[in-house]
Amino acid sequence: VDYVDINGTLVFPILTDDVGGEAVAADAPPTYDILSADQTSVLVNDAATTALSGRTGAYKVSQSITAALGFAAGNTYTLIADWEINSSARHKAYTFKVT
């Protein structure tokens, strides 16, 4: 993930895979946490409930990035996505900067 404007919308796919790295559909839509810039708290906890048509294991994140939620221009944030494949937990981290 790259850059998003303050008061904009972060839009990108979470790509789920199994332990071998193969794209597979998750047992349920992936959830995600967006951590504060200092990574001491969670600003957002949500789920990527929209599966992208024609793409196995691809789910759309669409998240408002506002000061009211704790975001600030100039800071970099980490989004941690969580999902399960056959009840086995998987995780992936993404970063983005607010401009």
C-alpha atoms as a PDB file:
ATOM      1  CA  VAL A   1       0.000   0.000   0.000  1.00  0.00           C
ATOM      2  CA  ASP A   2       1.250   3.463  -0.765  1.00  0.00           C
ATOM      3  CA  TYR A   3      -0.214   6.884   0.070  1.00  0.00           C
ATOM      4  CA  VAL A   4      -3.685   8.131   1.030  1.00  0.00           C
ATOM      5  CA  ASP A   5      -4.861  11.694   1.624  1.00  0.00           C
ATOM      6  CA  ILE A   6      -6.215  12.694   5.019  1.00  0.00           C
ATOM      7  CA  ASN A   7     -10.027  12.660   4.740  1.00  0.00           C
ATOM      8  CA  GLY A   8      -9.618  10.292   1.791  1.00  0.00           C
ATOM      9  CA  THR A   9     -10.365   6.604   1.436  1.00  0.00           C
ATOM     10  CA  LEU A  10      -7.824   3.801   1.589  1.00  0.00           C
ATOM     11  CA  VAL A  11      -8.774   1.263  -1.098  1.00  0.00           C
ATOM     12  CA  PHE A  12      -6.729  -1.866  -1.842  1.00  0.00           C
ATOM     13  CA  PRO A  13      -7.023  -5.666  -1.869  1.00  0.00           C
ATOM     14  CA  ILE A  14      -6.113  -8.083   0.876  1.00  0.00           C
ATOM     15  CA  LEU A  15      -4.774 -11.170  -0.880  1.00  0.00           C
ATOM     16  CA  THR A  16      -5.259 -14.363   1.119  1.00  0.00           C
ATOM     17  CA  ASP A  17      -2.972 -17.338   0.695  1.00  0.00           C
ATOM     18  CA  ASP A  18      -2.222 -20.673   2.290  1.00  0.00           C
ATOM     19  CA  VAL A  19       1.051 -21.693   3.987  1.00  0.00           C
ATOM     20  CA  GLY A  20       2.479 -22.600   0.565  1.00  0.00           C
ATOM     21  CA  GLY A  21       1.782 -19.113  -0.797  1.00  0.00           C
ATOM     22  CA  GLU A  22      -1.037 -20.225  -3.108  1.00  0.00           C
ATOM     23  CA  ALA A  23      -3.996 -17.858  -3.479  1.00  0.00           C
ATOM     24  CA  VAL A  24      -7.030 -19.413  -1.794  1.00  0.00           C
ATOM     25  CA  ALA A  25     -10.340 -18.146  -0.502  1.00  0.00           C
ATOM     26  CA  ALA A  26     -10.333 -17.588   3.255  1.00  0.00           C
ATOM     27  CA  ASP A  27     -12.688 -19.519   5.535  1.00  0.00           C
ATOM     28  CA  ALA A  28     -14.412 -16.168   6.212  1.00  0.00           C
ATOM     29  CA  PRO A  29     -13.752 -12.609   5.019  1.00  0.00           C
ATOM     30  CA  PRO A  30     -10.442 -11.343   6.419  1.00  0.00           C
ATOM     31  CA  THR A  31     -10.442  -8.881   9.300  1.00  0.00           C
ATOM     32  CA  TYR A  32      -7.934  -6.095   9.745  1.00  0.00           C
ATOM     33  CA  ASP A  33      -6.544  -3.727  12.353  1.00  0.00           C
ATOM     34  CA  ILE A  34      -4.941  -0.408  11.517  1.00  0.00           C
ATOM     35  CA  LEU A  35      -2.417   0.477  14.192  1.00  0.00           C
ATOM     36  CA  SER A  36      -1.589   3.965  15.426  1.00  0.00           C
ATOM     37  CA  ALA A  37       1.569   5.525  13.988  1.00  0.00           C
ATOM     38  CA  ASP A  38       3.522   4.499  17.122  1.00  0.00           C
ATOM     39  CA  GLN A  39       1.906   1.025  16.924  1.00  0.00           C
ATOM     40  CA  THR A  40       0.666   1.155  20.543  1.00  0.00           C
ATOM     41  CA  SER A  41      -3.065   1.078  19.825  1.00  0.00           C
ATOM     42  CA  VAL A  42      -5.635   0.042  17.222  1.00  0.00           C
ATOM     43  CA  LEU A  43      -7.307   2.924  15.372  1.00  0.00           C
ATOM     44  CA  VAL A  44      -9.603   0.755  13.231  1.00  0.00           C
ATOM     45  CA  ASN A  45     -10.817  -2.838  13.462  1.00  0.00           C
ATOM     46  CA  ASP A  46     -12.958  -3.974  10.534  1.00  0.00           C
ATOM     47  CA  ALA A  47     -13.474  -6.699   7.922  1.00  0.00           C
ATOM     48  CA  ALA A  48     -12.858  -6.806   4.174  1.00  0.00           C
ATOM     49  CA  THR A  49     -16.265  -8.235   3.344  1.00  0.00           C
ATOM     50  CA  THR A  50     -16.259  -7.692  -0.435  1.00  0.00           C
ATOM     51  CA  ALA A  51     -14.668 -10.512  -2.428  1.00  0.00           C
ATOM     52  CA  LEU A  52     -13.257  -9.316  -5.740  1.00  0.00           C
ATOM     53  CA  SER A  53     -14.987 -11.074  -8.608  1.00  0.00           C
ATOM     54  CA  GLY A  54     -12.813 -13.425 -10.621  1.00  0.00           C
ATOM     55  CA  ARG A  55      -9.879 -13.255  -8.176  1.00  0.00           C
ATOM     56  CA  THR A  56      -9.439 -16.160  -5.813  1.00  0.00           C
ATOM     57  CA  GLY A  57      -8.526 -14.965  -2.330  1.00  0.00           C
ATOM     58  CA  ALA A  58      -8.858 -11.231  -3.084  1.00  0.00           C
ATOM     59  CA  TYR A  59     -10.935  -9.043  -0.761  1.00  0.00           C
ATOM     60  CA  LYS A  60     -11.475  -5.286  -1.002  1.00  0.00           C
ATOM     61  CA  VAL A  61     -10.612  -2.882   1.814  1.00  0.00           C
ATOM     62  CA  SER A  62     -12.324   0.514   1.653  1.00  0.00           C
ATOM     63  CA  GLN A  63     -11.552   2.540   4.766  1.00  0.00           C
ATOM     64  CA  SER A  64     -12.047   6.240   5.527  1.00  0.00           C
ATOM     65  CA  ILE A  65      -8.856   7.916   6.768  1.00  0.00           C
ATOM     66  CA  THR A  66      -9.857  10.875   8.939  1.00  0.00           C
ATOM     67  CA  ALA A  67      -8.451  12.884  11.823  1.00  0.00           C
ATOM     68  CA  ALA A  68     -11.540  11.899  13.827  1.00  0.00           C
ATOM     69  CA  LEU A  69     -10.345   8.269  13.644  1.00  0.00           C
ATOM     70  CA  GLY A  70      -6.862   9.279  14.827  1.00  0.00           C
ATOM     71  CA  PHE A  71      -4.993   9.612  11.525  1.00  0.00           C
ATOM     72  CA  ALA A  72      -2.651  12.539  10.811  1.00  0.00           C
ATOM     73  CA  ALA A  73      -0.921  13.719   7.659  1.00  0.00           C
ATOM     74  CA  GLY A  74       2.773  12.821   7.550  1.00  0.00           C
ATOM     75  CA  ASN A  75       2.442   9.604   9.558  1.00  0.00           C
ATOM     76  CA  THR A  76       2.918   6.033   8.367  1.00  0.00           C
ATOM     77  CA  TYR A  77       0.473   3.368   9.552  1.00  0.00           C
ATOM     78  CA  THR A  78       0.430  -0.422   9.559  1.00  0.00           C
ATOM     79  CA  LEU A  79      -2.583  -2.496   8.585  1.00  0.00           C
ATOM     80  CA  ILE A  80      -2.502  -6.101   9.799  1.00  0.00           C
ATOM     81  CA  ALA A  81      -4.842  -8.472   7.974  1.00  0.00           C
ATOM     82  CA  ASP A  82      -5.927 -11.750   9.590  1.00  0.00           C
ATOM     83  CA  TRP A  83      -7.689 -14.734   8.037  1.00  0.00           C
ATOM     84  CA  GLU A  84      -7.953 -18.486   8.347  1.00  0.00           C
ATOM     85  CA  ILE A  85      -7.455 -21.244   5.805  1.00  0.00           C
ATOM     86  CA  ASN A  86      -8.831 -24.591   6.988  1.00  0.00           C
ATOM     87  CA  SER A  87      -8.893 -23.136  10.525  1.00  0.00           C
ATOM     88  CA  SER A  88      -5.175 -22.261  10.343  1.00  0.00           C
ATOM     89  CA  ALA A  89      -4.464 -18.602  11.180  1.00  0.00           C
ATOM     90  CA  ARG A  90      -2.648 -16.443   8.615  1.00  0.00           C
ATOM     91  CA  HIS A  91      -1.520 -12.805   8.795  1.00  0.00           C
ATOM     92  CA  LYS A  92      -0.085 -10.169   6.495  1.00  0.00           C
ATOM     93  CA  ALA A  93       1.042  -6.588   7.176  1.00  0.00           C
ATOM     94  CA  TYR A  94       0.727  -3.607   4.858  1.00  0.00           C
ATOM     95  CA  THR A  95       1.898  -0.012   5.383  1.00  0.00           C
ATOM     96  CA  PHE A  96       0.628   3.295   4.062  1.00  0.00           C
ATOM     97  CA  LYS A  97       1.443   6.950   4.575  1.00  0.00           C
ATOM     98  CA  VAL A  98      -1.159   9.661   5.092  1.00  0.00           C
ATOM     99  CA  THR A  99      -0.534  12.864   3.127  1.00  0.00           C
END
